[in-house]
Amino acid sequence: MSTASILILTKTVVEKAATTGKRYHVWDGKLSGFGLRVEASGTKTFVIRYRADGGGRNAPERFMTIGRFNPLTVDQARAQATKLLGAVANGHDPADALSAKRKEMSVGALVDLYEAEGCC
């Protein structure tokens, strides 16, 4: 079970999030469902947490990674989280969309298929 605390995520808060030897989350008090995951290794990653399938307590809880801290600023991550959580509020599941995209045929596989089957 992870330790959780609620406050406004800022650059200072993220930088001061200490490594504890265990994974934990720091949830943003400004945007519900937006948080920072701190790994045992010290890696800091922005995430969202939401309930799919229309929400409610019976819906499965989903997590989705937004990106790592440093290439991504807190404000950039919050803006992306706002878009993704907005899509959830409109009935979309961004994790399912990402999963479907990953299952699409890669360019390499498409070239292999073209070489094997040809165009005609």
PDB file of N, CA and C in Angstrom:
ATOM      1  N   MET A   1       0.845  -1.182   0.000  1.00  0.00           N
ATOM      2  CA  MET A   1       0.000   0.000   0.000  1.00  0.00           C
ATOM      3  C   MET A   1       0.882   1.234   0.000  1.00  0.00           C
ATOM      4  N   SER A   2       0.523   2.233  -0.791  1.00  0.00           N
ATOM      5  CA  SER A   2       1.361   3.413  -0.910  1.00  0.00           C
ATOM      6  C   SER A   2       0.949   4.491   0.083  1.00  0.00           C
ATOM      7  N   THR A   3       1.937   5.279   0.457  1.00  0.00           N
ATOM      8  CA  THR A   3       1.687   6.426   1.304  1.00  0.00           C
ATOM      9  C   THR A   3       1.176   7.541   0.411  1.00  0.00           C
ATOM     10  N   ALA A   4       0.169   8.259   0.836  1.00  0.00           N
ATOM     11  CA  ALA A   4      -0.385   9.324   0.009  1.00  0.00           C
ATOM     12  C   ALA A   4      -0.484  10.604   0.830  1.00  0.00           C
ATOM     13  N   SER A   5      -0.196  11.709   0.182  1.00  0.00           N
ATOM     14  CA  SER A   5      -0.397  13.011   0.802  1.00  0.00           C
ATOM     15  C   SER A   5      -0.993  13.919  -0.252  1.00  0.00           C
ATOM     16  N   ILE A   6      -1.742  14.935   0.189  1.00  0.00           N
ATOM     17  CA  ILE A   6      -2.424  15.818  -0.746  1.00  0.00           C
ATOM     18  C   ILE A   6      -1.925  17.241  -0.544  1.00  0.00           C
ATOM     19  N   LEU A   7      -1.445  17.845  -1.629  1.00  0.00           N
ATOM     20  CA  LEU A   7      -1.009  19.226  -1.646  1.00  0.00           C
ATOM     21  C   LEU A   7      -0.922  19.675  -3.089  1.00  0.00           C
ATOM     22  N   ILE A   8      -0.616  20.932  -3.315  1.00  0.00           N
ATOM     23  CA  ILE A   8      -0.494  21.446  -4.683  1.00  0.00           C
ATOM     24  C   ILE A   8       0.896  21.090  -5.203  1.00  0.00           C
ATOM     25  N   LEU A   9       0.939  20.383  -6.323  1.00  0.00           N
ATOM     26  CA  LEU A   9       2.227  20.029  -6.911  1.00  0.00           C
ATOM     27  C   LEU A   9       2.861  21.255  -7.559  1.00  0.00           C
ATOM     28  N   THR A  10       4.066  21.554  -7.152  1.00  0.00           N
ATOM     29  CA  THR A  10       4.868  22.627  -7.725  1.00  0.00           C
ATOM     30  C   THR A  10       6.257  22.057  -8.004  1.00  0.00           C
ATOM     31  N   LYS A  11       7.077  22.815  -8.693  1.00  0.00           N
ATOM     32  CA  LYS A  11       8.440  22.377  -8.974  1.00  0.00           C
ATOM     33  C   LYS A  11       9.181  22.072  -7.672  1.00  0.00           C
ATOM     34  N   THR A  12       9.027  22.938  -6.689  1.00  0.00           N
ATOM     35  CA  THR A  12       9.691  22.758  -5.401  1.00  0.00           C
ATOM     36  C   THR A  12       9.222  21.489  -4.706  1.00  0.00           C
ATOM     37  N   VAL A  13       7.920  21.250  -4.697  1.00  0.00           N
ATOM     38  CA  VAL A  13       7.366  20.051  -4.053  1.00  0.00           C
ATOM     39  C   VAL A  13       7.908  18.795  -4.738  1.00  0.00           C
ATOM     40  N   VAL A  14       7.932  18.805  -6.059  1.00  0.00           N
ATOM     41  CA  VAL A  14       8.419  17.636  -6.803  1.00  0.00           C
ATOM     42  C   VAL A  14       9.906  17.423  -6.530  1.00  0.00           C
ATOM     43  N   GLU A  15      10.689  18.483  -6.571  1.00  0.00           N
ATOM     44  CA  GLU A  15      12.122  18.354  -6.318  1.00  0.00           C
ATOM     45  C   GLU A  15      12.414  17.845  -4.917  1.00  0.00           C
ATOM     46  N   LYS A  16      11.587  18.232  -3.941  1.00  0.00           N
ATOM     47  CA  LYS A  16      11.817  17.833  -2.551  1.00  0.00           C
ATOM     48  C   LYS A  16      11.205  16.480  -2.197  1.00  0.00           C
ATOM     49  N   ALA A  17      10.464  15.870  -3.112  1.00  0.00           N
ATOM     50  CA  ALA A  17       9.891  14.540  -2.847  1.00  0.00           C
ATOM     51  C   ALA A  17      11.046  13.558  -2.675  1.00  0.00           C
ATOM     52  N   ALA A  18      11.191  13.044  -1.467  1.00  0.00           N
ATOM     53  CA  ALA A  18      12.345  12.224  -1.118  1.00  0.00           C
ATOM     54  C   ALA A  18      12.152  10.755  -1.483  1.00  0.00           C
ATOM     55  N   THR A  19      13.246  10.086  -1.728  1.00  0.00           N
ATOM     56  CA  THR A  19      13.236   8.648  -1.955  1.00  0.00           C
ATOM     57  C   THR A  19      13.125   7.969  -0.601  1.00  0.00           C
ATOM     58  N   THR A  20      12.189   7.033  -0.478  1.00  0.00           N
ATOM     59  CA  THR A  20      11.974   6.350   0.804  1.00  0.00           C
ATOM     60  C   THR A  20      12.324   4.866   0.747  1.00  0.00           C
ATOM     61  N   GLY A  21      12.725   4.399  -0.416  1.00  0.00           N
ATOM     62  CA  GLY A  21      12.990   2.967  -0.556  1.00  0.00           C
ATOM     63  C   GLY A  21      11.771   2.203  -1.032  1.00  0.00           C
ATOM     64  N   LYS A  22      10.630   2.886  -1.100  1.00  0.00           N
ATOM     65  CA  LYS A  22       9.381   2.292  -1.594  1.00  0.00           C
ATOM     66  C   LYS A  22       8.712   3.271  -2.548  1.00  0.00           C
ATOM     67  N   ARG A  23       7.892   2.714  -3.459  1.00  0.00           N
ATOM     68  CA  ARG A  23       7.114   3.568  -4.356  1.00  0.00           C
ATOM     69  C   ARG A  23       6.004   4.237  -3.553  1.00  0.00           C
ATOM     70  N   TYR A  24       5.770   5.530  -3.828  1.00  0.00           N
ATOM     71  CA  TYR A  24       4.636   6.227  -3.233  1.00  0.00           C
ATOM     72  C   TYR A  24       4.147   7.309  -4.184  1.00  0.00           C
ATOM     73  N   HIS A  25       2.953   7.834  -3.895  1.00  0.00           N
ATOM     74  CA  HIS A  25       2.339   8.869  -4.724  1.00  0.00           C
ATOM     75  C   HIS A  25       2.109  10.128  -3.902  1.00  0.00           C
ATOM     76  N   VAL A  26       2.238  11.267  -4.571  1.00  0.00           N
ATOM     77  CA  VAL A  26       1.862  12.562  -4.000  1.00  0.00           C
ATOM     78  C   VAL A  26       0.769  13.092  -4.913  1.00  0.00           C
ATOM     79  N   TRP A  27      -0.433  13.257  -4.385  1.00  0.00           N
ATOM     80  CA  TRP A  27      -1.574  13.677  -5.201  1.00  0.00           C
ATOM     81  C   TRP A  27      -1.768  15.176  -5.113  1.00  0.00           C
ATOM     82  N   ASP A  28      -2.108  15.769  -6.240  1.00  0.00           N
ATOM     83  CA  ASP A  28      -2.297  17.202  -6.358  1.00  0.00           C
ATOM     84  C   ASP A  28      -3.645  17.611  -5.775  1.00  0.00           C
ATOM     85  N   GLY A  29      -3.649  18.641  -4.941  1.00  0.00           N
ATOM     86  CA  GLY A  29      -4.888  19.142  -4.359  1.00  0.00           C
ATOM     87  C   GLY A  29      -5.644  20.077  -5.290  1.00  0.00           C
ATOM     88  N   LYS A  30      -5.012  20.498  -6.390  1.00  0.00           N
ATOM     89  CA  LYS A  30      -5.626  21.426  -7.335  1.00  0.00           C
ATOM     90  C   LYS A  30      -6.408  20.686  -8.426  1.00  0.00           C
ATOM     91  N   LEU A  31      -5.881  19.562  -8.899  1.00  0.00           N
ATOM     92  CA  LEU A  31      -6.517  18.790  -9.966  1.00  0.00           C
ATOM     93  C   LEU A  31      -6.675  17.352  -9.494  1.00  0.00           C
ATOM     94  N   SER A  32      -7.894  16.976  -9.203  1.00  0.00           N
ATOM     95  CA  SER A  32      -8.179  15.640  -8.711  1.00  0.00           C
ATOM     96  C   SER A  32      -7.788  14.582  -9.745  1.00  0.00           C
ATOM     97  N   GLY A  33      -7.029  13.583  -9.305  1.00  0.00           N
ATOM     98  CA  GLY A  33      -6.599  12.512 -10.184  1.00  0.00           C
ATOM     99  C   GLY A  33      -5.212  12.710 -10.764  1.00  0.00           C
ATOM    100  N   PHE A  34      -4.605  13.865 -10.531  1.00  0.00           N
ATOM    101  CA  PHE A  34      -3.263  14.165 -11.038  1.00  0.00           C
ATOM    102  C   PHE A  34      -2.270  13.995  -9.907  1.00  0.00           C
ATOM    103  N   GLY A  35      -1.169  13.310 -10.187  1.00  0.00           N
ATOM    104  CA  GLY A  35      -0.205  13.096  -9.122  1.00  0.00           C
ATOM    105  C   GLY A  35       1.194  12.828  -9.617  1.00  0.00           C
ATOM    106  N   LEU A  36       2.059  12.639  -8.656  1.00  0.00           N
ATOM    107  CA  LEU A  36       3.463  12.328  -8.885  1.00  0.00           C
ATOM    108  C   LEU A  36       3.748  10.974  -8.264  1.00  0.00           C
ATOM    109  N   ARG A  37       4.347  10.067  -9.059  1.00  0.00           N
ATOM    110  CA  ARG A  37       4.768   8.772  -8.529  1.00  0.00           C
ATOM    111  C   ARG A  37       6.271   8.851  -8.317  1.00  0.00           C
ATOM    112  N   VAL A  38       6.689   8.537  -7.092  1.00  0.00           N
ATOM    113  CA  VAL A  38       8.114   8.524  -6.759  1.00  0.00           C
ATOM    114  C   VAL A  38       8.513   7.069  -6.558  1.00  0.00           C
ATOM    115  N   GLU A  39       9.414   6.588  -7.404  1.00  0.00           N
ATOM    116  CA  GLU A  39       9.859   5.197  -7.338  1.00  0.00           C
ATOM    117  C   GLU A  39      10.912   5.025  -6.248  1.00  0.00           C
ATOM    118  N   ALA A  40      11.137   3.790  -5.853  1.00  0.00           N
ATOM    119  CA  ALA A  40      12.170   3.476  -4.860  1.00  0.00           C
ATOM    120  C   ALA A  40      13.539   3.949  -5.342  1.00  0.00           C
ATOM    121  N   SER A  41      13.724   3.962  -6.652  1.00  0.00           N
ATOM    122  CA  SER A  41      14.995   4.392  -7.244  1.00  0.00           C
ATOM    123  C   SER A  41      15.161   5.916  -7.238  1.00  0.00           C
ATOM    124  N   GLY A  42      14.061   6.640  -6.990  1.00  0.00           N
ATOM    125  CA  GLY A  42      14.098   8.100  -7.008  1.00  0.00           C
ATOM    126  C   GLY A  42      13.517   8.712  -8.270  1.00  0.00           C
ATOM    127  N   THR A  43      13.163   7.878  -9.253  1.00  0.00           N
ATOM    128  CA  THR A  43      12.557   8.373 -10.483  1.00  0.00           C
ATOM    129  C   THR A  43      11.202   8.994 -10.168  1.00  0.00           C
ATOM    130  N   LYS A  44      10.956  10.170 -10.730  1.00  0.00           N
ATOM    131  CA  LYS A  44       9.709  10.896 -10.479  1.00  0.00           C
ATOM    132  C   LYS A  44       8.925  11.018 -11.776  1.00  0.00           C
ATOM    133  N   THR A  45       7.695  10.514 -11.746  1.00  0.00           N
ATOM    134  CA  THR A  45       6.865  10.447 -12.940  1.00  0.00           C
ATOM    135  C   THR A  45       5.485  11.001 -12.644  1.00  0.00           C
ATOM    136  N   PHE A  46       4.964  11.813 -13.559  1.00  0.00           N
ATOM    137  CA  PHE A  46       3.608  12.334 -13.422  1.00  0.00           C
ATOM    138  C   PHE A  46       2.618  11.281 -13.916  1.00  0.00           C
ATOM    139  N   VAL A  47       1.511  11.121 -13.183  1.00  0.00           N
ATOM    140  CA  VAL A  47       0.502  10.126 -13.524  1.00  0.00           C
ATOM    141  C   VAL A  47      -0.892  10.715 -13.339  1.00  0.00           C
ATOM    142  N   ILE A  48      -1.872  10.029 -13.934  1.00  0.00           N
ATOM    143  CA  ILE A  48      -3.268  10.319 -13.611  1.00  0.00           C
ATOM    144  C   ILE A  48      -3.898   9.035 -13.089  1.00  0.00           C
ATOM    145  N   ARG A  49      -4.901   9.205 -12.263  1.00  0.00           N
ATOM    146  CA  ARG A  49      -5.682   8.091 -11.720  1.00  0.00           C
ATOM    147  C   ARG A  49      -7.144   8.418 -11.967  1.00  0.00           C
ATOM    148  N   TYR A  50      -7.871   7.443 -12.507  1.00  0.00           N
ATOM    149  CA  TYR A  50      -9.281   7.673 -12.802  1.00  0.00           C
ATOM    150  C   TYR A  50     -10.028   6.354 -12.791  1.00  0.00           C
ATOM    151  N   ARG A  51     -11.337   6.435 -12.856  1.00  0.00           N
ATOM    152  CA  ARG A  51     -12.172   5.240 -12.959  1.00  0.00           C
ATOM    153  C   ARG A  51     -12.774   5.208 -14.354  1.00  0.00           C
ATOM    154  N   ALA A  52     -12.566   4.108 -15.025  1.00  0.00           N
ATOM    155  CA  ALA A  52     -13.064   3.940 -16.393  1.00  0.00           C
ATOM    156  C   ALA A  52     -14.539   3.548 -16.379  1.00  0.00           C
ATOM    157  N   ASP A  53     -15.113   3.448 -17.556  1.00  0.00           N
ATOM    158  CA  ASP A  53     -16.486   2.958 -17.736  1.00  0.00           C
ATOM    159  C   ASP A  53     -17.514   3.790 -16.987  1.00  0.00           C
ATOM    160  N   GLY A  54     -17.403   5.096 -17.078  1.00  0.00           N
ATOM    161  CA  GLY A  54     -18.417   5.955 -16.480  1.00  0.00           C
ATOM    162  C   GLY A  54     -18.211   6.261 -15.011  1.00  0.00           C
ATOM    163  N   GLY A  55     -17.095   5.842 -14.453  1.00  0.00           N
ATOM    164  CA  GLY A  55     -16.798   6.160 -13.059  1.00  0.00           C
ATOM    165  C   GLY A  55     -17.577   5.308 -12.082  1.00  0.00           C
ATOM    166  N   GLY A  56     -17.678   5.778 -10.881  1.00  0.00           N
ATOM    167  CA  GLY A  56     -18.362   5.024  -9.836  1.00  0.00           C
ATOM    168  C   GLY A  56     -17.411   4.075  -9.131  1.00  0.00           C
ATOM    169  N   ARG A  57     -17.793   3.676  -7.949  1.00  0.00           N
ATOM    170  CA  ARG A  57     -16.932   2.827  -7.132  1.00  0.00           C
ATOM    171  C   ARG A  57     -16.717   1.438  -7.714  1.00  0.00           C
ATOM    172  N   ASN A  58     -17.640   0.973  -8.526  1.00  0.00           N
ATOM    173  CA  ASN A  58     -17.514  -0.370  -9.090  1.00  0.00           C
ATOM    174  C   ASN A  58     -16.666  -0.405 -10.356  1.00  0.00           C
ATOM    175  N   ALA A  59     -16.375   0.751 -10.923  1.00  0.00           N
ATOM    176  CA  ALA A  59     -15.562   0.810 -12.143  1.00  0.00           C
ATOM    177  C   ALA A  59     -14.097   0.567 -11.782  1.00  0.00           C
ATOM    178  N   PRO A  60     -13.362  -0.067 -12.670  1.00  0.00           N
ATOM    179  CA  PRO A  60     -11.945  -0.320 -12.375  1.00  0.00           C
ATOM    180  C   PRO A  60     -11.146   0.975 -12.304  1.00  0.00           C
ATOM    181  N   GLU A  61     -10.258   1.045 -11.329  1.00  0.00           N
ATOM    182  CA  GLU A  61      -9.385   2.207 -11.200  1.00  0.00           C
ATOM    183  C   GLU A  61      -8.227   2.035 -12.167  1.00  0.00           C
ATOM    184  N   ARG A  62      -7.931   3.076 -12.915  1.00  0.00           N
ATOM    185  CA  ARG A  62      -6.875   3.028 -13.930  1.00  0.00           C
ATOM    186  C   ARG A  62      -5.817   4.079 -13.608  1.00  0.00           C
ATOM    187  N   PHE A  63      -4.593   3.757 -13.931  1.00  0.00           N
ATOM    188  CA  PHE A  63      -3.482   4.693 -13.828  1.00  0.00           C
ATOM    189  C   PHE A  63      -2.899   4.857 -15.218  1.00  0.00           C
ATOM    190  N   MET A  64      -2.439   6.054 -15.525  1.00  0.00           N
ATOM    191  CA  MET A  64      -1.790   6.297 -16.805  1.00  0.00           C
ATOM    192  C   MET A  64      -0.620   7.238 -16.576  1.00  0.00           C
ATOM    193  N   THR A  65       0.508   6.899 -17.151  1.00  0.00           N
ATOM    194  CA  THR A  65       1.703   7.729 -17.037  1.00  0.00           C
ATOM    195  C   THR A  65       1.630   8.886 -18.018  1.00  0.00           C
ATOM    196  N   ILE A  66       1.947  10.068 -17.536  1.00  0.00           N
ATOM    197  CA  ILE A  66       2.005  11.252 -18.393  1.00  0.00           C
ATOM    198  C   ILE A  66       3.438  11.460 -18.872  1.00  0.00           C
ATOM    199  N   GLY A  67       4.387  11.391 -17.971  1.00  0.00           N
ATOM    200  CA  GLY A  67       5.791  11.553 -18.342  1.00  0.00           C
ATOM    201  C   GLY A  67       6.650  11.826 -17.126  1.00  0.00           C
ATOM    202  N   ARG A  68       7.946  11.762 -17.329  1.00  0.00           N
ATOM    203  CA  ARG A  68       8.894  11.968 -16.236  1.00  0.00           C
ATOM    204  C   ARG A  68       9.127  13.443 -15.961  1.00  0.00           C
ATOM    205  N   PHE A  69       9.405  13.708 -14.691  1.00  0.00           N
ATOM    206  CA  PHE A  69       9.770  15.058 -14.267  1.00  0.00           C
ATOM    207  C   PHE A  69      11.165  15.363 -14.792  1.00  0.00           C
ATOM    208  N   ASN A  70      11.361  16.530 -15.251  1.00  0.00           N
ATOM    209  CA  ASN A  70      12.542  17.168 -15.805  1.00  0.00           C
ATOM    210  C   ASN A  70      12.401  17.325 -17.299  1.00  0.00           C
ATOM    211  N   PRO A  71      12.218  16.270 -18.082  1.00  0.00           N
ATOM    212  CA  PRO A  71      11.871  16.625 -19.448  1.00  0.00           C
ATOM    213  C   PRO A  71      10.533  17.372 -19.447  1.00  0.00           C
ATOM    214  N   LEU A  72       9.664  17.035 -18.509  1.00  0.00           N
ATOM    215  CA  LEU A  72       8.321  17.621 -18.408  1.00  0.00           C
ATOM    216  C   LEU A  72       8.246  18.491 -17.158  1.00  0.00           C
ATOM    217  N   THR A  73       7.724  19.700 -17.288  1.00  0.00           N
ATOM    218  CA  THR A  73       7.543  20.558 -16.117  1.00  0.00           C
ATOM    219  C   THR A  73       6.214  20.204 -15.446  1.00  0.00           C
ATOM    220  N   VAL A  74       6.025  20.689 -14.244  1.00  0.00           N
ATOM    221  CA  VAL A  74       4.776  20.451 -13.529  1.00  0.00           C
ATOM    222  C   VAL A  74       3.606  21.062 -14.301  1.00  0.00           C
ATOM    223  N   ASP A  75       3.781  22.269 -14.827  1.00  0.00           N
ATOM    224  CA  ASP A  75       2.695  22.926 -15.565  1.00  0.00           C
ATOM    225  C   ASP A  75       2.353  22.176 -16.849  1.00  0.00           C
ATOM    226  N   GLN A  76       3.360  21.673 -17.559  1.00  0.00           N
ATOM    227  CA  GLN A  76       3.091  20.883 -18.772  1.00  0.00           C
ATOM    228  C   GLN A  76       2.355  19.596 -18.430  1.00  0.00           C
ATOM    229  N   ALA A  77       2.784  18.947 -17.364  1.00  0.00           N
ATOM    230  CA  ALA A  77       2.138  17.700 -16.941  1.00  0.00           C
ATOM    231  C   ALA A  77       0.700  17.959 -16.507  1.00  0.00           C
ATOM    232  N   ARG A  78       0.466  19.053 -15.765  1.00  0.00           N
ATOM    233  CA  ARG A  78      -0.887  19.381 -15.317  1.00  0.00           C
ATOM    234  C   ARG A  78      -1.792  19.672 -16.518  1.00  0.00           C
ATOM    235  N   ALA A  79      -1.266  20.367 -17.526  1.00  0.00           N
ATOM    236  CA  ALA A  79      -2.057  20.665 -18.730  1.00  0.00           C
ATOM    237  C   ALA A  79      -2.432  19.370 -19.451  1.00  0.00           C
ATOM    238  N   GLN A  80      -1.489  18.444 -19.577  1.00  0.00           N
ATOM    239  CA  GLN A  80      -1.762  17.158 -20.218  1.00  0.00           C
ATOM    240  C   GLN A  80      -2.767  16.356 -19.391  1.00  0.00           C
ATOM    241  N   ALA A  81      -2.610  16.375 -18.065  1.00  0.00           N
ATOM    242  CA  ALA A  81      -3.535  15.663 -17.180  1.00  0.00           C
ATOM    243  C   ALA A  81      -4.944  16.236 -17.303  1.00  0.00           C
ATOM    244  N   THR A  82      -5.050  17.541 -17.426  1.00  0.00           N
ATOM    245  CA  THR A  82      -6.353  18.193 -17.582  1.00  0.00           C
ATOM    246  C   THR A  82      -7.047  17.695 -18.843  1.00  0.00           C
ATOM    247  N   LYS A  83      -6.298  17.598 -19.953  1.00  0.00           N
ATOM    248  CA  LYS A  83      -6.862  17.090 -21.211  1.00  0.00           C
ATOM    249  C   LYS A  83      -7.322  15.644 -21.059  1.00  0.00           C
ATOM    250  N   LEU A  84      -6.455  14.811 -20.480  1.00  0.00           N
ATOM    251  CA  LEU A  84      -6.777  13.385 -20.345  1.00  0.00           C
ATOM    252  C   LEU A  84      -7.958  13.158 -19.406  1.00  0.00           C
ATOM    253  N   LEU A  85      -7.976  13.859 -18.279  1.00  0.00           N
ATOM    254  CA  LEU A  85      -9.082  13.707 -17.334  1.00  0.00           C
ATOM    255  C   LEU A  85     -10.374  14.279 -17.901  1.00  0.00           C
ATOM    256  N   GLY A  86     -10.260  15.304 -18.747  1.00  0.00           N
ATOM    257  CA  GLY A  86     -11.430  15.831 -19.447  1.00  0.00           C
ATOM    258  C   GLY A  86     -12.004  14.795 -20.393  1.00  0.00           C
ATOM    259  N   ALA A  87     -11.135  14.070 -21.080  1.00  0.00           N
ATOM    260  CA  ALA A  87     -11.586  12.998 -21.973  1.00  0.00           C
ATOM    261  C   ALA A  87     -12.288  11.911 -21.174  1.00  0.00           C
ATOM    262  N   VAL A  88     -11.771  11.601 -19.997  1.00  0.00           N
ATOM    263  CA  VAL A  88     -12.412  10.601 -19.125  1.00  0.00           C
ATOM    264  C   VAL A  88     -13.809  11.069 -18.739  1.00  0.00           C
ATOM    265  N   ALA A  89     -13.932  12.351 -18.403  1.00  0.00           N
ATOM    266  CA  ALA A  89     -15.238  12.904 -18.019  1.00  0.00           C
ATOM    267  C   ALA A  89     -16.235  12.828 -19.172  1.00  0.00           C
ATOM    268  N   ASN A  90     -15.730  12.805 -20.418  1.00  0.00           N
ATOM    269  CA  ASN A  90     -16.593  12.688 -21.594  1.00  0.00           C
ATOM    270  C   ASN A  90     -16.797  11.241 -22.031  1.00  0.00           C
ATOM    271  N   GLY A  91     -16.394  10.291 -21.178  1.00  0.00           N
ATOM    272  CA  GLY A  91     -16.664   8.882 -21.460  1.00  0.00           C
ATOM    273  C   GLY A  91     -15.569   8.129 -22.184  1.00  0.00           C
ATOM    274  N   HIS A  92     -14.428   8.748 -22.404  1.00  0.00           N
ATOM    275  CA  HIS A  92     -13.315   8.074 -23.088  1.00  0.00           C
ATOM    276  C   HIS A  92     -12.370   7.471 -22.066  1.00  0.00           C
ATOM    277  N   ASP A  93     -11.660   6.434 -22.462  1.00  0.00           N
ATOM    278  CA  ASP A  93     -10.645   5.820 -21.616  1.00  0.00           C
ATOM    279  C   ASP A  93      -9.299   5.984 -22.315  1.00  0.00           C
ATOM    280  N   PRO A  94      -8.487   6.964 -21.896  1.00  0.00           N
ATOM    281  CA  PRO A  94      -7.226   7.217 -22.598  1.00  0.00           C
ATOM    282  C   PRO A  94      -6.246   6.045 -22.540  1.00  0.00           C
ATOM    283  N   ALA A  95      -6.280   5.258 -21.486  1.00  0.00           N
ATOM    284  CA  ALA A  95      -5.386   4.098 -21.400  1.00  0.00           C
ATOM    285  C   ALA A  95      -5.771   3.052 -22.440  1.00  0.00           C
ATOM    286  N   ASP A  96      -7.072   2.856 -22.691  1.00  0.00           N
ATOM    287  CA  ASP A  96      -7.513   1.929 -23.725  1.00  0.00           C
ATOM    288  C   ASP A  96      -7.105   2.419 -25.111  1.00  0.00           C
ATOM    289  N   ALA A  97      -7.224   3.718 -25.333  1.00  0.00           N
ATOM    290  CA  ALA A  97      -6.836   4.282 -26.629  1.00  0.00           C
ATOM    291  C   ALA A  97      -5.344   4.080 -26.866  1.00  0.00           C
ATOM    292  N   LEU A  98      -4.530   4.276 -25.838  1.00  0.00           N
ATOM    293  CA  LEU A  98      -3.090   4.080 -25.953  1.00  0.00           C
ATOM    294  C   LEU A  98      -2.771   2.611 -26.202  1.00  0.00           C
ATOM    295  N   SER A  99      -3.458   1.724 -25.519  1.00  0.00           N
ATOM    296  CA  SER A  99      -3.255   0.290 -25.708  1.00  0.00           C
ATOM    297  C   SER A  99      -3.597  -0.136 -27.131  1.00  0.00           C
ATOM    298  N   ALA A 100      -4.694   0.372 -27.657  1.00  0.00           N
ATOM    299  CA  ALA A 100      -5.095   0.047 -29.031  1.00  0.00           C
ATOM    300  C   ALA A 100      -4.064   0.572 -30.027  1.00  0.00           C
ATOM    301  N   LYS A 101      -3.534   1.759 -29.776  1.00  0.00           N
ATOM    302  CA  LYS A 101      -2.530   2.348 -30.664  1.00  0.00           C
ATOM    303  C   LYS A 101      -1.270   1.486 -30.680  1.00  0.00           C
ATOM    304  N   ARG A 102      -0.890   0.957 -29.530  1.00  0.00           N
ATOM    305  CA  ARG A 102       0.306   0.119 -29.448  1.00  0.00           C
ATOM    306  C   ARG A 102       0.128  -1.198 -30.190  1.00  0.00           C
ATOM    307  N   LYS A 103      -1.109  -1.657 -30.327  1.00  0.00           N
ATOM    308  CA  LYS A 103      -1.382  -2.923 -31.003  1.00  0.00           C
ATOM    309  C   LYS A 103      -1.456  -2.785 -32.519  1.00  0.00           C
ATOM    310  N   GLU A 104      -1.476  -1.539 -33.010  1.00  0.00           N
ATOM    311  CA  GLU A 104      -1.522  -1.313 -34.450  1.00  0.00           C
ATOM    312  C   GLU A 104      -0.247  -1.826 -35.097  1.00  0.00           C
ATOM    313  N   MET A 105      -0.336  -2.140 -36.370  1.00  0.00           N
ATOM    314  CA  MET A 105       0.804  -2.673 -37.102  1.00  0.00           C
ATOM    315  C   MET A 105       1.913  -1.625 -37.189  1.00  0.00           C
ATOM    316  N   SER A 106       3.148  -2.041 -36.935  1.00  0.00           N
ATOM    317  CA  SER A 106       4.283  -1.132 -37.030  1.00  0.00           C
ATOM    318  C   SER A 106       4.694  -0.975 -38.496  1.00  0.00           C
ATOM    319  N   VAL A 107       5.489   0.035 -38.784  1.00  0.00           N
ATOM    320  CA  VAL A 107       5.958   0.270 -40.148  1.00  0.00           C
ATOM    321  C   VAL A 107       6.792  -0.922 -40.612  1.00  0.00           C
ATOM    322  N   GLY A 108       7.630  -1.446 -39.736  1.00  0.00           N
ATOM    323  CA  GLY A 108       8.454  -2.598 -40.087  1.00  0.00           C
ATOM    324  C   GLY A 108       7.616  -3.805 -40.461  1.00  0.00           C
ATOM    325  N   ALA A 109       6.558  -4.061 -39.682  1.00  0.00           N
ATOM    326  CA  ALA A 109       5.672  -5.184 -39.978  1.00  0.00           C
ATOM    327  C   ALA A 109       4.928  -4.950 -41.288  1.00  0.00           C
ATOM    328  N   LEU A 110       4.567  -3.708 -41.548  1.00  0.00           N
ATOM    329  CA  LEU A 110       3.886  -3.374 -42.799  1.00  0.00           C
ATOM    330  C   LEU A 110       4.807  -3.604 -44.005  1.00  0.00           C
ATOM    331  N   VAL A 111       6.073  -3.226 -43.883  1.00  0.00           N
ATOM    332  CA  VAL A 111       7.046  -3.461 -44.954  1.00  0.00           C
ATOM    333  C   VAL A 111       7.220  -4.962 -45.184  1.00  0.00           C
ATOM    334  N   ASP A 112       7.317  -5.733 -44.101  1.00  0.00           N
ATOM    335  CA  ASP A 112       7.436  -7.192 -44.228  1.00  0.00           C
ATOM    336  C   ASP A 112       6.228  -7.778 -44.947  1.00  0.00           C
ATOM    337  N   LEU A 113       5.057  -7.303 -44.599  1.00  0.00           N
ATOM    338  CA  LEU A 113       3.830  -7.789 -45.239  1.00  0.00           C
ATOM    339  C   LEU A 113       3.824  -7.429 -46.727  1.00  0.00           C
ATOM    340  N   TYR A 114       4.252  -6.208 -47.057  1.00  0.00           N
ATOM    341  CA  TYR A 114       4.296  -5.774 -48.451  1.00  0.00           C
ATOM    342  C   TYR A 114       5.280  -6.629 -49.248  1.00  0.00           C
ATOM    343  N   GLU A 115       6.436  -6.902 -48.632  1.00  0.00           N
ATOM    344  CA  GLU A 115       7.432  -7.730 -49.314  1.00  0.00           C
ATOM    345  C   GLU A 115       6.915  -9.146 -49.558  1.00  0.00           C
ATOM    346  N   ALA A 116       6.166  -9.677 -48.604  1.00  0.00           N
ATOM    347  CA  ALA A 116       5.647 -11.046 -48.723  1.00  0.00           C
ATOM    348  C   ALA A 116       4.442 -11.123 -49.656  1.00  0.00           C
ATOM    349  N   GLU A 117       3.561 -10.138 -49.589  1.00  0.00           N
ATOM    350  CA  GLU A 117       2.299 -10.208 -50.333  1.00  0.00           C
ATOM    351  C   GLU A 117       2.281  -9.347 -51.582  1.00  0.00           C
ATOM    352  N   GLY A 118       3.039  -8.283 -51.612  1.00  0.00           N
ATOM    353  CA  GLY A 118       3.012  -7.358 -52.741  1.00  0.00           C
ATOM    354  C   GLY A 118       1.765  -6.508 -52.728  1.00  0.00           C
ATOM    355  N   CYS A 119       1.633  -5.666 -53.733  1.00  0.00           N
ATOM    356  CA  CYS A 119       0.477  -4.765 -53.778  1.00  0.00           C
ATOM    357  C   CYS A 119      -0.674  -5.318 -54.610  1.00  0.00           C
ATOM    358  N   CYS A 120      -0.438  -6.286 -55.464  1.00  0.00           N
ATOM    359  CA  CYS A 120      -1.503  -6.761 -56.355  1.00  0.00           C
ATOM    360  C   CYS A 120      -1.706  -8.241 -56.249  1.00  0.00           C
TER     361      CYS A 120
END
